[in-house]
Amino acid sequence: MASKNDPFQFQEFEEAGNLLESNRDAVTISIEDEDLKSKRQRSAVGFAQDVGDEEPLINEDREELLSGQKKNAPFWTFEYYQKFFDIETHHVKERILGSLMPWPGKNFIQVHLRKNPDLYGPFWICTTLVFAIAISGNLSTFLRYFGNSNYKYTAEFGKVSIAATAIFSYAWLVPLGLWGLLLWRSNKILNLVSYSFMEIVCVYGYSLAVYIPAVVLWIPHVEWLRWLSIVVALCLSSSVLVMTFWPALRDDHPKVIIATVVGIVLLNGLLAVGCKMYFFNEPKLGPLHVSPPEAKTNRTSS
């Protein structure tokens, strides 16, 4: 038996009974009656809850909160890429400035991305570069033969599609190949430094930002200025790429390191030189564009 002084033992209080006997007109309220009354009121005004419909939602939210993460969407859906476009404007500015001013010892991914790559900045950088190349190329041709009555200028809108194919192919296919190479070599040498595909795409996209002002300098027909801007832009862009991926390469075989670094710089240089040679090449005037005085001189000499 429990002790008489046990505080957890249920006891009946005689004072409450005495109070009720002394005041017969007192109103008593039961908790069960209040619950039943509130349920009746909710059902009367049409706010009856369907417990069966709410339980799955509550359980799903509870599982996400307890696990601390939500289910990842498949990569072929828009929901998967939506998170890569959720970025503040000042973060994009910082990453652009970081790609324009590489500093030895600072890794672009560790300093600027911080495990949060985005596609917003690379997409608009590539798009801006495409239109900058196409417009600058057409403007350069127009200024070259401005005032020449024998030359009829026609805008070459096809350069936009060609520039888009070249720029976006470089920004996606080259990172894909480099990601596969780094993944293969990391398994070979058990390297702890690894980068995701989206991080590599993000770095390559921001590394192209330096070519936008360089392309504008290609408009004047000054060859030394064009080649100087190409060299400066190539050095800055390649420095960002090499310093970023160096931690994943430094423990590898020397031949693999040299081949990878040369490949990164070579592909970057081919893009710059190829755009300059194709889009800013001076068109050759055919026989129909020979001026009348020159034509008369040729006939007299013959």
C-alpha atoms as a PDB file:
ATOM      1  CA  MET A   1       0.000   0.000   0.000  1.00  0.00           C
ATOM      2  CA  ALA A   2       1.098   3.519  -0.676  1.00  0.00           C
ATOM      3  CA  SER A   3       2.066   5.736   2.173  1.00  0.00           C
ATOM      4  CA  LYS A   4      -0.433   8.234   3.499  1.00  0.00           C
ATOM      5  CA  ASN A   5       2.070  11.039   2.940  1.00  0.00           C
ATOM      6  CA  ASP A   6       2.610  10.086  -0.723  1.00  0.00           C
ATOM      7  CA  PRO A   7       2.050  13.326  -2.701  1.00  0.00           C
ATOM      8  CA  PHE A   8       1.276  11.398  -5.920  1.00  0.00           C
ATOM      9  CA  GLN A   9      -1.605   9.479  -4.431  1.00  0.00           C
ATOM     10  CA  PHE A  10      -5.051  10.486  -5.669  1.00  0.00           C
ATOM     11  CA  GLN A  11      -7.036  12.237  -2.966  1.00  0.00           C
ATOM     12  CA  GLU A  12     -10.575  13.523  -2.718  1.00  0.00           C
ATOM     13  CA  PHE A  13     -10.950  17.010  -1.393  1.00  0.00           C
ATOM     14  CA  GLU A  14     -13.913  17.398   0.916  1.00  0.00           C
ATOM     15  CA  GLU A  15     -13.749  21.214   0.791  1.00  0.00           C
ATOM     16  CA  ALA A  16     -15.033  21.327  -2.812  1.00  0.00           C
ATOM     17  CA  GLY A  17     -18.010  19.141  -1.871  1.00  0.00           C
ATOM     18  CA  ASN A  18     -18.786  21.324   1.120  1.00  0.00           C
ATOM     19  CA  LEU A  19     -18.717  24.448  -1.050  1.00  0.00           C
ATOM     20  CA  LEU A  20     -21.182  22.962  -3.500  1.00  0.00           C
ATOM     21  CA  GLU A  21     -23.520  21.907  -0.728  1.00  0.00           C
ATOM     22  CA  SER A  22     -23.466  25.393   0.774  1.00  0.00           C
ATOM     23  CA  ASN A  23     -24.203  27.088  -2.591  1.00  0.00           C
ATOM     24  CA  ARG A  24     -26.779  25.087  -4.534  1.00  0.00           C
ATOM     25  CA  ASP A  25     -27.090  27.750  -7.286  1.00  0.00           C
ATOM     26  CA  ALA A  26     -23.410  27.532  -8.327  1.00  0.00           C
ATOM     27  CA  VAL A  27     -22.690  26.613 -11.955  1.00  0.00           C
ATOM     28  CA  THR A  28     -20.191  23.858 -12.596  1.00  0.00           C
ATOM     29  CA  ILE A  29     -18.197  23.545 -15.878  1.00  0.00           C
ATOM     30  CA  SER A  30     -16.781  20.292 -17.156  1.00  0.00           C
ATOM     31  CA  ILE A  31     -13.764  20.171 -19.487  1.00  0.00           C
ATOM     32  CA  GLU A  32     -15.370  17.402 -21.502  1.00  0.00           C
ATOM     33  CA  ASP A  33     -18.477  19.554 -21.992  1.00  0.00           C
ATOM     34  CA  GLU A  34     -16.340  22.444 -23.274  1.00  0.00           C
ATOM     35  CA  ASP A  35     -14.570  20.195 -25.802  1.00  0.00           C
ATOM     36  CA  LEU A  36     -17.875  18.819 -27.013  1.00  0.00           C
ATOM     37  CA  LYS A  37     -19.344  22.322 -27.255  1.00  0.00           C
ATOM     38  CA  SER A  38     -16.406  23.672 -29.278  1.00  0.00           C
ATOM     39  CA  LYS A  39     -16.602  20.738 -31.702  1.00  0.00           C
ATOM     40  CA  ARG A  40     -20.306  21.327 -32.205  1.00  0.00           C
ATOM     41  CA  GLN A  41     -19.696  25.024 -32.889  1.00  0.00           C
ATOM     42  CA  ARG A  42     -17.024  24.309 -35.490  1.00  0.00           C
ATOM     43  CA  SER A  43     -19.194  21.772 -37.245  1.00  0.00           C
ATOM     44  CA  ALA A  44     -22.162  24.166 -37.190  1.00  0.00           C
ATOM     45  CA  VAL A  45     -20.303  26.976 -39.008  1.00  0.00           C
ATOM     46  CA  GLY A  46     -18.697  24.616 -41.494  1.00  0.00           C
ATOM     47  CA  PHE A  47     -15.131  24.456 -40.133  1.00  0.00           C
ATOM     48  CA  ALA A  48     -15.041  20.744 -39.540  1.00  0.00           C
ATOM     49  CA  GLN A  49     -11.500  19.419 -40.056  1.00  0.00           C
ATOM     50  CA  ASP A  50     -10.754  16.405 -42.106  1.00  0.00           C
ATOM     51  CA  VAL A  51      -8.080  14.731 -40.053  1.00  0.00           C
ATOM     52  CA  GLY A  52      -7.381  12.178 -42.749  1.00  0.00           C
ATOM     53  CA  ASP A  53      -6.433  14.891 -45.272  1.00  0.00           C
ATOM     54  CA  GLU A  54      -4.146  16.838 -42.933  1.00  0.00           C
ATOM     55  CA  GLU A  55      -2.206  13.963 -41.449  1.00  0.00           C
ATOM     56  CA  PRO A  56      -0.146  13.185 -44.601  1.00  0.00           C
ATOM     57  CA  LEU A  57       0.874  16.842 -44.952  1.00  0.00           C
ATOM     58  CA  ILE A  58       1.774  17.109 -41.291  1.00  0.00           C
ATOM     59  CA  ASN A  59       3.739  13.889 -41.374  1.00  0.00           C
ATOM     60  CA  GLU A  60       5.594  14.992 -44.538  1.00  0.00           C
ATOM     61  CA  ASP A  61       6.547  18.360 -43.047  1.00  0.00           C
ATOM     62  CA  ARG A  62       7.611  16.666 -39.830  1.00  0.00           C
ATOM     63  CA  GLU A  63       9.869  14.254 -41.710  1.00  0.00           C
ATOM     64  CA  GLU A  64      11.524  17.116 -43.648  1.00  0.00           C
ATOM     65  CA  LEU A  65      12.113  19.067 -40.456  1.00  0.00           C
ATOM     66  CA  LEU A  66      13.540  16.074 -38.624  1.00  0.00           C
ATOM     67  CA  SER A  67      15.800  15.078 -41.522  1.00  0.00           C
ATOM     68  CA  GLY A  68      16.961  18.657 -42.034  1.00  0.00           C
ATOM     69  CA  GLN A  69      16.801  18.490 -45.825  1.00  0.00           C
ATOM     70  CA  LYS A  70      14.308  18.186 -48.641  1.00  0.00           C
ATOM     71  CA  LYS A  71      14.252  15.688 -51.438  1.00  0.00           C
ATOM     72  CA  ASN A  72      16.462  16.663 -54.379  1.00  0.00           C
ATOM     73  CA  ALA A  73      14.694  17.040 -57.695  1.00  0.00           C
ATOM     74  CA  PRO A  74      15.986  15.068 -60.726  1.00  0.00           C
ATOM     75  CA  PHE A  75      18.497  16.908 -62.904  1.00  0.00           C
ATOM     76  CA  TRP A  76      16.172  16.914 -65.934  1.00  0.00           C
ATOM     77  CA  THR A  77      13.559  19.052 -64.155  1.00  0.00           C
ATOM     78  CA  PHE A  78      13.386  22.843 -63.812  1.00  0.00           C
ATOM     79  CA  GLU A  79      13.276  22.523 -60.018  1.00  0.00           C
ATOM     80  CA  TYR A  80      16.808  21.133 -60.027  1.00  0.00           C
ATOM     81  CA  TYR A  81      18.256  24.183 -61.835  1.00  0.00           C
ATOM     82  CA  GLN A  82      16.120  26.705 -60.001  1.00  0.00           C
ATOM     83  CA  LYS A  83      18.452  26.785 -57.019  1.00  0.00           C
ATOM     84  CA  PHE A  84      21.393  27.751 -59.257  1.00  0.00           C
ATOM     85  CA  PHE A  85      19.600  30.969 -60.251  1.00  0.00           C
ATOM     86  CA  ASP A  86      18.761  31.966 -56.671  1.00  0.00           C
ATOM     87  CA  ILE A  87      21.611  34.386 -55.968  1.00  0.00           C
ATOM     88  CA  GLU A  88      21.975  37.964 -54.807  1.00  0.00           C
ATOM     89  CA  THR A  89      23.247  40.664 -57.153  1.00  0.00           C
ATOM     90  CA  HIS A  90      26.165  41.645 -54.939  1.00  0.00           C
ATOM     91  CA  HIS A  91      27.398  38.040 -54.952  1.00  0.00           C
ATOM     92  CA  VAL A  92      27.462  38.102 -58.764  1.00  0.00           C
ATOM     93  CA  LYS A  93      29.441  41.360 -58.694  1.00  0.00           C
ATOM     94  CA  GLU A  94      31.951  39.915 -56.250  1.00  0.00           C
ATOM     95  CA  ARG A  95      32.460  36.848 -58.416  1.00  0.00           C
ATOM     96  CA  ILE A  96      32.912  38.929 -61.570  1.00  0.00           C
ATOM     97  CA  LEU A  97      35.496  41.116 -59.841  1.00  0.00           C
ATOM     98  CA  GLY A  98      37.211  38.011 -58.506  1.00  0.00           C
ATOM     99  CA  SER A  99      37.507  36.611 -62.037  1.00  0.00           C
ATOM    100  CA  LEU A 100      38.890  39.901 -63.362  1.00  0.00           C
ATOM    101  CA  MET A 101      41.512  40.212 -60.629  1.00  0.00           C
ATOM    102  CA  PRO A 102      42.960  36.777 -59.829  1.00  0.00           C
ATOM    103  CA  TRP A 103      45.329  36.698 -56.909  1.00  0.00           C
ATOM    104  CA  PRO A 104      47.962  33.993 -56.282  1.00  0.00           C
ATOM    105  CA  GLY A 105      46.988  31.659 -53.478  1.00  0.00           C
ATOM    106  CA  LYS A 106      43.274  32.449 -53.675  1.00  0.00           C
ATOM    107  CA  ASN A 107      41.078  29.688 -55.014  1.00  0.00           C
ATOM    108  CA  PHE A 108      38.041  31.045 -56.854  1.00  0.00           C
ATOM    109  CA  ILE A 109      35.778  28.226 -55.664  1.00  0.00           C
ATOM    110  CA  GLN A 110      36.823  28.432 -52.024  1.00  0.00           C
ATOM    111  CA  VAL A 111      36.859  32.233 -51.811  1.00  0.00           C
ATOM    112  CA  HIS A 112      33.871  33.236 -53.956  1.00  0.00           C
ATOM    113  CA  LEU A 113      31.651  30.201 -54.547  1.00  0.00           C
ATOM    114  CA  ARG A 114      31.857  28.613 -51.088  1.00  0.00           C
ATOM    115  CA  LYS A 115      29.980  25.473 -52.164  1.00  0.00           C
ATOM    116  CA  ASN A 116      27.222  27.617 -53.656  1.00  0.00           C
ATOM    117  CA  PRO A 117      27.719  27.690 -57.450  1.00  0.00           C
ATOM    118  CA  ASP A 118      25.281  29.565 -59.630  1.00  0.00           C
ATOM    119  CA  LEU A 119      24.324  29.590 -63.294  1.00  0.00           C
ATOM    120  CA  TYR A 120      22.802  33.067 -63.334  1.00  0.00           C
ATOM    121  CA  GLY A 121      26.122  34.876 -63.679  1.00  0.00           C
ATOM    122  CA  PRO A 122      27.708  32.470 -66.216  1.00  0.00           C
ATOM    123  CA  PHE A 123      24.561  32.464 -68.362  1.00  0.00           C
ATOM    124  CA  TRP A 124      24.382  36.243 -68.662  1.00  0.00           C
ATOM    125  CA  ILE A 125      28.148  36.563 -69.114  1.00  0.00           C
ATOM    126  CA  CYS A 126      28.050  34.111 -72.025  1.00  0.00           C
ATOM    127  CA  THR A 127      24.969  35.804 -73.503  1.00  0.00           C
ATOM    128  CA  THR A 128      26.550  39.251 -73.211  1.00  0.00           C
ATOM    129  CA  LEU A 129      29.767  37.973 -74.786  1.00  0.00           C
ATOM    130  CA  VAL A 130      27.837  36.470 -77.711  1.00  0.00           C
ATOM    131  CA  PHE A 131      26.113  39.755 -78.562  1.00  0.00           C
ATOM    132  CA  ALA A 132      29.292  41.737 -77.894  1.00  0.00           C
ATOM    133  CA  ILE A 133      31.212  39.645 -80.430  1.00  0.00           C
ATOM    134  CA  ALA A 134      28.461  39.787 -83.052  1.00  0.00           C
ATOM    135  CA  ILE A 135      27.776  43.515 -82.688  1.00  0.00           C
ATOM    136  CA  SER A 136      31.442  44.479 -82.440  1.00  0.00           C
ATOM    137  CA  GLY A 137      32.275  42.404 -85.509  1.00  0.00           C
ATOM    138  CA  ASN A 138      29.556  44.055 -87.607  1.00  0.00           C
ATOM    139  CA  LEU A 139      30.472  47.505 -86.302  1.00  0.00           C
ATOM    140  CA  SER A 140      34.136  46.959 -87.073  1.00  0.00           C
ATOM    141  CA  THR A 141      33.327  46.021 -90.674  1.00  0.00           C
ATOM    142  CA  PHE A 142      31.040  49.028 -91.030  1.00  0.00           C
ATOM    143  CA  LEU A 143      33.690  51.453 -89.755  1.00  0.00           C
ATOM    144  CA  ARG A 144      36.367  49.896 -91.938  1.00  0.00           C
ATOM    145  CA  TYR A 145      34.541  50.695 -95.193  1.00  0.00           C
ATOM    146  CA  PHE A 146      32.538  53.704 -94.054  1.00  0.00           C
ATOM    147  CA  GLY A 147      32.465  56.299 -96.840  1.00  0.00           C
ATOM    148  CA  ASN A 148      33.452  53.824 -99.559  1.00  0.00           C
ATOM    149  CA  SER A 149      30.813  54.113-102.272  1.00  0.00           C
ATOM    150  CA  ASN A 150      31.918  50.840-103.853  1.00  0.00           C
ATOM    151  CA  TYR A 151      31.144  48.807-100.759  1.00  0.00           C
ATOM    152  CA  LYS A 152      27.586  48.026 -99.722  1.00  0.00           C
ATOM    153  CA  TYR A 153      27.319  47.143 -96.055  1.00  0.00           C
ATOM    154  CA  THR A 154      24.983  44.325 -95.023  1.00  0.00           C
ATOM    155  CA  ALA A 155      24.528  43.263 -91.416  1.00  0.00           C
ATOM    156  CA  GLU A 156      25.538  39.664 -90.805  1.00  0.00           C
ATOM    157  CA  PHE A 157      22.997  38.405 -88.301  1.00  0.00           C
ATOM    158  CA  GLY A 158      24.271  34.862 -88.725  1.00  0.00           C
ATOM    159  CA  LYS A 159      27.245  35.793 -86.577  1.00  0.00           C
ATOM    160  CA  VAL A 160      24.989  35.761 -83.518  1.00  0.00           C
ATOM    161  CA  SER A 161      24.138  32.073 -83.894  1.00  0.00           C
ATOM    162  CA  ILE A 162      27.743  31.157 -84.700  1.00  0.00           C
ATOM    163  CA  ALA A 163      29.040  33.074 -81.691  1.00  0.00           C
ATOM    164  CA  ALA A 164      26.399  31.498 -79.438  1.00  0.00           C
ATOM    165  CA  THR A 165      27.351  28.010 -80.599  1.00  0.00           C
ATOM    166  CA  ALA A 166      31.046  28.643 -79.985  1.00  0.00           C
ATOM    167  CA  ILE A 167      30.706  30.337 -76.593  1.00  0.00           C
ATOM    168  CA  PHE A 168      28.110  28.024 -75.041  1.00  0.00           C
ATOM    169  CA  SER A 169      29.826  24.908 -76.394  1.00  0.00           C
ATOM    170  CA  TYR A 170      33.060  26.040 -74.762  1.00  0.00           C
ATOM    171  CA  ALA A 171      31.281  26.931 -71.505  1.00  0.00           C
ATOM    172  CA  TRP A 172      29.624  23.484 -71.214  1.00  0.00           C
ATOM    173  CA  LEU A 173      31.634  20.884 -73.126  1.00  0.00           C
ATOM    174  CA  VAL A 174      35.080  21.871 -71.848  1.00  0.00           C
ATOM    175  CA  PRO A 175      33.958  21.802 -68.186  1.00  0.00           C
ATOM    176  CA  LEU A 176      32.319  18.447 -68.828  1.00  0.00           C
ATOM    177  CA  GLY A 177      35.583  17.011 -70.146  1.00  0.00           C
ATOM    178  CA  LEU A 178      37.616  18.529 -67.318  1.00  0.00           C
ATOM    179  CA  TRP A 179      35.155  17.238 -64.714  1.00  0.00           C
ATOM    180  CA  GLY A 180      35.461  13.725 -66.131  1.00  0.00           C
ATOM    181  CA  LEU A 181      39.261  13.964 -66.143  1.00  0.00           C
ATOM    182  CA  LEU A 182      39.459  15.201 -62.550  1.00  0.00           C
ATOM    183  CA  LEU A 183      37.004  12.549 -61.406  1.00  0.00           C
ATOM    184  CA  TRP A 184      39.029   9.820 -63.094  1.00  0.00           C
ATOM    185  CA  ARG A 185      42.364  11.054 -61.749  1.00  0.00           C
ATOM    186  CA  SER A 186      41.017  11.565 -58.211  1.00  0.00           C
ATOM    187  CA  ASN A 187      40.046   7.891 -58.113  1.00  0.00           C
ATOM    188  CA  LYS A 188      43.489   6.938 -59.391  1.00  0.00           C
ATOM    189  CA  ILE A 189      45.550   8.924 -56.881  1.00  0.00           C
ATOM    190  CA  LEU A 190      42.914   9.083 -54.090  1.00  0.00           C
ATOM    191  CA  ASN A 191      42.886  12.876 -54.089  1.00  0.00           C
ATOM    192  CA  LEU A 192      40.676  14.439 -51.441  1.00  0.00           C
ATOM    193  CA  VAL A 193      40.142  17.636 -53.453  1.00  0.00           C
ATOM    194  CA  SER A 194      37.195  17.300 -55.811  1.00  0.00           C
ATOM    195  CA  TYR A 195      34.895  19.698 -57.629  1.00  0.00           C
ATOM    196  CA  SER A 196      31.359  19.175 -58.815  1.00  0.00           C
ATOM    197  CA  PHE A 197      30.335  19.683 -62.427  1.00  0.00           C
ATOM    198  CA  MET A 198      28.316  22.802 -61.591  1.00  0.00           C
ATOM    199  CA  GLU A 199      31.285  24.349 -59.785  1.00  0.00           C
ATOM    200  CA  ILE A 200      33.499  23.839 -62.843  1.00  0.00           C
ATOM    201  CA  VAL A 201      30.817  25.286 -65.152  1.00  0.00           C
ATOM    202  CA  CYS A 202      30.470  28.270 -62.834  1.00  0.00           C
ATOM    203  CA  VAL A 203      34.224  28.938 -62.846  1.00  0.00           C
ATOM    204  CA  TYR A 204      34.435  28.707 -66.642  1.00  0.00           C
ATOM    205  CA  GLY A 205      31.459  31.022 -67.035  1.00  0.00           C
ATOM    206  CA  TYR A 206      32.920  33.735 -64.829  1.00  0.00           C
ATOM    207  CA  SER A 207      36.354  33.363 -66.435  1.00  0.00           C
ATOM    208  CA  LEU A 208      34.833  34.594 -69.725  1.00  0.00           C
ATOM    209  CA  ALA A 209      33.846  37.964 -68.210  1.00  0.00           C
ATOM    210  CA  VAL A 210      37.249  39.463 -69.024  1.00  0.00           C
ATOM    211  CA  TYR A 211      36.675  38.927 -72.753  1.00  0.00           C
ATOM    212  CA  ILE A 212      33.700  41.315 -72.860  1.00  0.00           C
ATOM    213  CA  PRO A 213      35.793  44.535 -72.541  1.00  0.00           C
ATOM    214  CA  ALA A 214      38.506  42.941 -74.687  1.00  0.00           C
ATOM    215  CA  VAL A 215      36.041  42.395 -77.551  1.00  0.00           C
ATOM    216  CA  VAL A 216      35.082  46.076 -77.467  1.00  0.00           C
ATOM    217  CA  LEU A 217      38.740  46.956 -78.013  1.00  0.00           C
ATOM    218  CA  TRP A 218      38.689  44.892 -81.214  1.00  0.00           C
ATOM    219  CA  ILE A 219      36.376  47.381 -82.953  1.00  0.00           C
ATOM    220  CA  PRO A 220      39.147  49.824 -84.027  1.00  0.00           C
ATOM    221  CA  HIS A 221      41.345  48.479 -86.816  1.00  0.00           C
ATOM    222  CA  VAL A 222      44.501  48.562 -84.733  1.00  0.00           C
ATOM    223  CA  GLU A 223      46.082  45.136 -84.828  1.00  0.00           C
ATOM    224  CA  TRP A 224      48.561  45.670 -82.008  1.00  0.00           C
ATOM    225  CA  LEU A 225      45.707  46.769 -79.710  1.00  0.00           C
ATOM    226  CA  ARG A 226      43.681  43.721 -80.632  1.00  0.00           C
ATOM    227  CA  TRP A 227      46.487  41.278 -79.956  1.00  0.00           C
ATOM    228  CA  LEU A 228      47.460  43.072 -76.743  1.00  0.00           C
ATOM    229  CA  SER A 229      43.908  42.796 -75.421  1.00  0.00           C
ATOM    230  CA  ILE A 230      43.839  39.114 -76.381  1.00  0.00           C
ATOM    231  CA  VAL A 231      47.060  38.415 -74.485  1.00  0.00           C
ATOM    232  CA  VAL A 232      45.912  40.297 -71.363  1.00  0.00           C
ATOM    233  CA  ALA A 233      42.474  38.659 -71.350  1.00  0.00           C
ATOM    234  CA  LEU A 234      43.975  35.233 -71.985  1.00  0.00           C
ATOM    235  CA  CYS A 235      46.425  35.610 -69.080  1.00  0.00           C
ATOM    236  CA  LEU A 236      43.726  36.735 -66.635  1.00  0.00           C
ATOM    237  CA  SER A 237      41.199  34.108 -67.684  1.00  0.00           C
ATOM    238  CA  SER A 238      43.716  31.261 -67.725  1.00  0.00           C
ATOM    239  CA  SER A 239      45.125  32.323 -64.353  1.00  0.00           C
ATOM    240  CA  VAL A 240      41.694  31.997 -62.751  1.00  0.00           C
ATOM    241  CA  LEU A 241      41.231  28.519 -64.217  1.00  0.00           C
ATOM    242  CA  VAL A 242      44.702  27.170 -63.432  1.00  0.00           C
ATOM    243  CA  MET A 243      44.803  28.501 -59.853  1.00  0.00           C
ATOM    244  CA  THR A 244      41.311  27.153 -59.185  1.00  0.00           C
ATOM    245  CA  PHE A 245      41.990  23.607 -60.364  1.00  0.00           C
ATOM    246  CA  TRP A 246      45.591  23.422 -59.176  1.00  0.00           C
ATOM    247  CA  PRO A 247      44.722  21.814 -55.778  1.00  0.00           C
ATOM    248  CA  ALA A 248      43.103  18.919 -57.651  1.00  0.00           C
ATOM    249  CA  LEU A 249      46.141  18.506 -59.943  1.00  0.00           C
ATOM    250  CA  ARG A 250      49.237  19.114 -57.821  1.00  0.00           C
ATOM    251  CA  ASP A 251      49.399  15.582 -56.381  1.00  0.00           C
ATOM    252  CA  ASP A 252      49.087  13.920 -59.786  1.00  0.00           C
ATOM    253  CA  HIS A 253      51.812  12.716 -62.140  1.00  0.00           C
ATOM    254  CA  PRO A 254      53.886  15.590 -63.609  1.00  0.00           C
ATOM    255  CA  LYS A 255      52.988  14.629 -67.180  1.00  0.00           C
ATOM    256  CA  VAL A 256      49.285  14.674 -66.361  1.00  0.00           C
ATOM    257  CA  ILE A 257      49.656  18.056 -64.653  1.00  0.00           C
ATOM    258  CA  ILE A 258      51.470  19.588 -67.627  1.00  0.00           C
ATOM    259  CA  ALA A 259      49.039  18.116 -70.149  1.00  0.00           C
ATOM    260  CA  THR A 260      46.001  19.335 -68.209  1.00  0.00           C
ATOM    261  CA  VAL A 261      47.336  22.850 -67.671  1.00  0.00           C
ATOM    262  CA  VAL A 262      48.398  23.151 -71.300  1.00  0.00           C
ATOM    263  CA  GLY A 263      44.989  21.888 -72.405  1.00  0.00           C
ATOM    264  CA  ILE A 264      43.176  24.455 -70.248  1.00  0.00           C
ATOM    265  CA  VAL A 265      45.279  27.352 -71.552  1.00  0.00           C
ATOM    266  CA  LEU A 266      45.272  26.100 -75.160  1.00  0.00           C
ATOM    267  CA  LEU A 267      41.486  25.744 -75.388  1.00  0.00           C
ATOM    268  CA  ASN A 268      41.058  29.158 -73.824  1.00  0.00           C
ATOM    269  CA  GLY A 269      43.474  30.667 -76.327  1.00  0.00           C
ATOM    270  CA  LEU A 270      41.826  28.928 -79.279  1.00  0.00           C
ATOM    271  CA  LEU A 271      38.499  30.452 -78.315  1.00  0.00           C
ATOM    272  CA  ALA A 272      39.939  33.968 -78.155  1.00  0.00           C
ATOM    273  CA  VAL A 273      42.034  33.748 -81.309  1.00  0.00           C
ATOM    274  CA  GLY A 274      39.296  31.944 -83.222  1.00  0.00           C
ATOM    275  CA  CYS A 275      36.746  34.643 -82.417  1.00  0.00           C
ATOM    276  CA  LYS A 276      39.179  37.359 -83.429  1.00  0.00           C
ATOM    277  CA  MET A 277      40.115  35.733 -86.731  1.00  0.00           C
ATOM    278  CA  TYR A 278      36.563  34.821 -87.737  1.00  0.00           C
ATOM    279  CA  PHE A 279      34.412  37.706 -86.546  1.00  0.00           C
ATOM    280  CA  PHE A 280      36.942  40.521 -87.069  1.00  0.00           C
ATOM    281  CA  ASN A 281      38.479  39.400 -90.313  1.00  0.00           C
ATOM    282  CA  GLU A 282      38.382  42.131 -92.963  1.00  0.00           C
ATOM    283  CA  PRO A 283      36.280  41.075 -95.949  1.00  0.00           C
ATOM    284  CA  LYS A 284      38.114  41.044 -99.252  1.00  0.00           C
ATOM    285  CA  LEU A 285      36.663  43.221-101.935  1.00  0.00           C
ATOM    286  CA  GLY A 286      35.951  41.415-105.184  1.00  0.00           C
ATOM    287  CA  PRO A 287      36.238  42.740-108.756  1.00  0.00           C
ATOM    288  CA  LEU A 288      32.863  44.461-108.434  1.00  0.00           C
ATOM    289  CA  HIS A 289      34.237  46.669-105.666  1.00  0.00           C
ATOM    290  CA  VAL A 290      37.142  48.092-107.701  1.00  0.00           C
ATOM    291  CA  SER A 291      36.837  51.828-108.034  1.00  0.00           C
ATOM    292  CA  PRO A 292      36.278  53.326-111.557  1.00  0.00           C
ATOM    293  CA  PRO A 293      39.659  55.157-111.770  1.00  0.00           C
ATOM    294  CA  GLU A 294      41.509  51.928-110.991  1.00  0.00           C
ATOM    295  CA  ALA A 295      39.471  50.071-113.631  1.00  0.00           C
ATOM    296  CA  LYS A 296      40.343  52.659-116.297  1.00  0.00           C
ATOM    297  CA  THR A 297      44.017  52.464-115.395  1.00  0.00           C
ATOM    298  CA  ASN A 298      43.999  48.674-115.777  1.00  0.00           C
ATOM    299  CA  ARG A 299      42.330  48.892-119.189  1.00  0.00           C
ATOM    300  CA  THR A 300      44.830  51.487-120.455  1.00  0.00           C
ATOM    301  CA  SER A 301      47.804  49.478-119.338  1.00  0.00           C
ATOM    302  CA  SER A 302      46.448  46.395-121.039  1.00  0.00           C
END
